Protein backbone atom coordinates (compact mmCIF):
# COMPACT_ATOMS: atom_id res chain seq x y z
CA MET A 1 -143.44 97.40 -50.28
CA LEU A 2 -140.28 97.80 -48.24
CA LEU A 3 -137.19 98.52 -50.34
CA HIS A 4 -133.90 97.60 -48.69
CA ILE A 5 -131.52 100.34 -49.83
CA CYS A 6 -127.85 99.45 -50.06
CA CYS A 7 -126.96 102.97 -51.23
CA ALA A 8 -128.69 106.02 -52.72
CA PRO A 9 -127.46 105.64 -56.35
CA CYS A 10 -128.57 102.00 -56.52
CA SER A 11 -132.02 102.82 -55.22
CA ILE A 12 -133.00 105.44 -57.83
CA TYR A 13 -134.05 103.15 -60.60
CA PRO A 14 -135.71 100.42 -58.42
CA LEU A 15 -137.76 103.07 -56.60
CA GLN A 16 -138.83 104.53 -59.93
CA LYS A 17 -139.87 101.12 -61.35
CA LEU A 18 -141.66 100.03 -58.23
CA THR A 19 -143.57 103.30 -57.99
CA GLU A 20 -144.49 103.19 -61.67
CA ALA A 21 -145.83 99.68 -61.11
CA GLY A 22 -148.20 101.04 -58.47
CA HIS A 23 -146.40 99.96 -55.33
CA ASN A 24 -146.48 102.16 -52.24
CA VAL A 25 -142.77 102.03 -51.34
CA ALA A 26 -140.86 102.82 -48.16
CA GLY A 27 -137.13 102.53 -47.79
CA PHE A 28 -135.09 100.56 -45.28
CA PHE A 29 -131.40 101.22 -44.63
CA TYR A 30 -129.42 98.50 -42.92
CA ASN A 31 -125.86 97.94 -44.10
CA HIS A 32 -123.75 96.79 -41.17
CA ASN A 33 -120.96 95.52 -43.41
CA ILE A 34 -119.70 98.78 -44.91
CA HIS A 35 -116.05 99.64 -44.17
CA PRO A 36 -114.56 101.96 -43.08
CA TYR A 37 -116.94 103.87 -40.80
CA GLN A 38 -116.48 107.10 -42.77
CA GLU A 39 -117.71 105.25 -45.87
CA TYR A 40 -120.69 103.95 -43.96
CA GLN A 41 -121.53 107.50 -42.89
CA ARG A 42 -121.16 108.90 -46.43
CA ARG A 43 -123.62 106.31 -47.76
CA LEU A 44 -126.07 106.84 -44.90
CA ASP A 45 -125.96 110.64 -45.45
CA ALA A 46 -126.47 110.11 -49.22
CA VAL A 47 -129.54 107.97 -48.54
CA ARG A 48 -130.93 110.60 -46.17
CA GLU A 49 -130.41 113.25 -48.89
CA PHE A 50 -132.05 111.07 -51.57
CA ALA A 51 -134.97 110.12 -49.35
CA ALA A 52 -135.64 113.77 -48.50
CA ALA A 53 -135.51 114.76 -52.20
CA LYS A 54 -137.94 111.98 -53.12
CA GLU A 55 -140.08 112.35 -50.00
CA LEU A 56 -139.52 108.64 -49.40
CA LYS A 57 -140.60 107.31 -46.04
CA MET A 58 -137.55 105.66 -44.50
CA ILE A 59 -136.76 103.25 -41.69
CA TYR A 60 -133.11 103.42 -40.58
CA ARG A 61 -131.43 100.68 -38.69
CA ASP A 62 -128.32 102.63 -38.05
CA GLU A 63 -125.95 99.92 -36.81
CA TYR A 64 -122.28 99.79 -37.63
CA ALA A 65 -121.54 96.18 -36.79
CA LEU A 66 -118.17 95.60 -38.38
CA GLU A 67 -117.09 93.08 -35.77
CA LYS A 68 -120.28 91.01 -36.29
CA PHE A 69 -119.76 91.00 -40.01
CA LEU A 70 -116.06 90.09 -39.76
CA SER A 71 -116.68 87.26 -37.27
CA ALA A 72 -119.28 85.82 -39.64
CA VAL A 73 -117.09 85.84 -42.75
CA ALA A 74 -113.38 85.82 -41.65
CA GLN A 75 -113.06 82.06 -41.84
CA ASN A 76 -114.20 82.00 -45.48
CA PRO A 77 -114.07 85.44 -47.10
CA SER A 78 -114.82 84.04 -50.56
CA GLU A 79 -118.38 83.27 -49.28
CA ARG A 80 -118.89 86.63 -47.60
CA CYS A 81 -121.48 87.83 -50.08
CA HIS A 82 -123.90 85.02 -49.13
CA TYR A 83 -123.73 86.10 -45.50
CA CYS A 84 -123.92 89.78 -46.43
CA TYR A 85 -126.98 89.32 -48.65
CA PHE A 86 -128.82 87.13 -46.19
CA SER A 87 -128.10 89.22 -43.09
CA ARG A 88 -129.37 92.45 -44.72
CA LEU A 89 -132.34 90.84 -46.41
CA ASP A 90 -133.29 88.97 -43.26
CA ALA A 91 -133.36 92.29 -41.40
CA ALA A 92 -135.47 93.79 -44.18
CA ALA A 93 -137.91 90.85 -44.08
CA GLU A 94 -138.19 91.13 -40.30
CA GLN A 95 -138.83 94.86 -40.57
CA ALA A 96 -141.31 94.38 -43.37
CA ALA A 97 -143.27 91.80 -41.41
CA ALA A 98 -143.22 93.85 -38.23
CA SER A 99 -144.37 97.00 -40.06
CA GLY A 100 -147.16 95.29 -41.99
CA TYR A 101 -145.67 95.42 -45.51
CA GLU A 102 -146.92 92.85 -48.03
CA ALA A 103 -143.50 92.42 -49.59
CA PHE A 104 -139.90 93.53 -49.58
CA THR A 105 -137.13 93.82 -52.18
CA SER A 106 -133.64 95.27 -52.43
CA SER A 107 -131.70 97.81 -54.46
CA LEU A 108 -128.97 95.16 -54.60
CA LEU A 109 -130.90 93.84 -57.56
CA TYR A 110 -129.97 96.96 -59.57
CA SER A 111 -126.24 96.31 -59.63
CA ARG A 112 -124.73 94.33 -62.45
CA TYR A 113 -121.88 93.45 -60.07
CA GLN A 114 -124.06 91.48 -57.64
CA ASN A 115 -124.98 87.81 -57.73
CA HIS A 116 -128.69 87.84 -58.49
CA ALA A 117 -129.24 84.14 -57.93
CA ALA A 118 -127.73 84.42 -54.45
CA ILE A 119 -129.71 87.59 -53.67
CA ARG A 120 -132.91 85.90 -54.79
CA THR A 121 -132.23 82.77 -52.71
CA ALA A 122 -131.38 84.90 -49.63
CA GLY A 123 -134.47 87.07 -50.10
CA GLU A 124 -136.80 84.12 -50.50
CA ARG A 125 -135.28 82.38 -47.49
CA ALA A 126 -135.60 85.54 -45.39
CA GLY A 127 -139.17 86.05 -46.55
CA GLU A 128 -140.11 82.50 -45.53
CA ARG A 129 -138.49 83.00 -42.10
CA HIS A 130 -140.58 86.10 -41.41
CA GLY A 131 -143.78 85.35 -43.39
CA VAL A 132 -143.49 88.12 -45.95
CA ASN A 133 -143.07 87.91 -49.74
CA PHE A 134 -139.75 88.66 -51.37
CA HIS A 135 -140.29 90.63 -54.63
CA TYR A 136 -137.61 89.62 -57.13
CA GLU A 137 -137.14 92.00 -60.04
CA ASP A 138 -134.14 92.45 -62.22
CA PHE A 139 -133.46 96.18 -62.13
CA ARG A 140 -130.21 95.94 -64.14
CA PRO A 141 -131.75 97.25 -67.35
CA GLY A 142 -131.83 100.67 -65.63
CA TRP A 143 -128.09 100.65 -64.87
CA GLN A 144 -127.09 103.56 -67.10
CA GLU A 145 -130.23 105.56 -66.28
CA GLY A 146 -129.55 105.21 -62.54
CA ILE A 147 -125.94 106.35 -62.98
CA LYS A 148 -127.07 109.39 -65.01
CA LEU A 149 -129.76 110.37 -62.47
CA SER A 150 -127.46 109.96 -59.51
CA LYS A 151 -124.87 112.22 -61.13
CA GLU A 152 -127.59 114.77 -61.88
CA MET A 153 -128.72 114.67 -58.30
CA GLY A 154 -125.10 115.11 -57.09
CA LEU A 155 -125.36 112.01 -54.87
CA TYR A 156 -122.27 110.43 -53.37
CA ARG A 157 -121.24 107.52 -55.58
CA GLN A 158 -119.09 104.87 -53.88
CA GLN A 159 -116.34 103.03 -55.71
CA TYR A 160 -116.74 99.52 -54.20
CA CYS A 161 -119.46 97.30 -52.83
CA GLY A 162 -118.93 98.07 -49.19
CA CYS A 163 -117.05 95.55 -47.11
CA ILE A 164 -113.38 95.53 -46.21
CA TYR A 165 -112.76 92.73 -48.72
CA SER A 166 -114.37 94.56 -51.62
CA GLU A 167 -112.41 97.67 -50.67
CA LYS A 168 -109.22 95.66 -50.96
CA GLU A 169 -110.29 94.13 -54.31
CA ARG A 170 -111.07 97.65 -55.63
CA TYR A 171 -107.88 99.47 -54.54
CA LEU A 172 -105.07 96.91 -54.20
CA PRO A 173 -103.14 96.53 -57.46
CA LYS A 174 -104.29 93.42 -59.34
CA ALA A 175 -100.90 91.69 -59.13
CA GLN A 176 -100.90 91.92 -55.31
CA ASN A 177 -104.60 91.07 -55.07
CA ALA A 178 -104.32 87.65 -56.80
């Protein structure tokens, strides 16, 4: 199974659960939406560190495509997550099919802040497009365990989802953000 990894901390618990269930898992990093570039690089470095520690086979699609992301969502930022989910899961499905994996999933399904219904829809749509199964599993029950383990491992832990809009929502005072 190919596990799309949004970040190292969010991948700990899904990797553990998938491995325990008997899946042979490889990781896939593609997160073209992360802003700013320094944040993108911190997350990529943390995934590399995590993958090395876990001896996790990885495929990196190291593309920082901020302009592509912004041009796709700028007209309707409130719908950005749908584009973001689909674009990353579509890339994961394409990679899974090209590499001979039976299925793919995402560490996005670990976060209690993400829209699981939208992720599932995007994953299933991407899987159909590329002829590979999307494995939906709710990894949120491991939220606290994943946080604990990521801190123990000393992994970089980001403070917002990733895009410029989520960065604004996280750091701009609530009164100005409304």
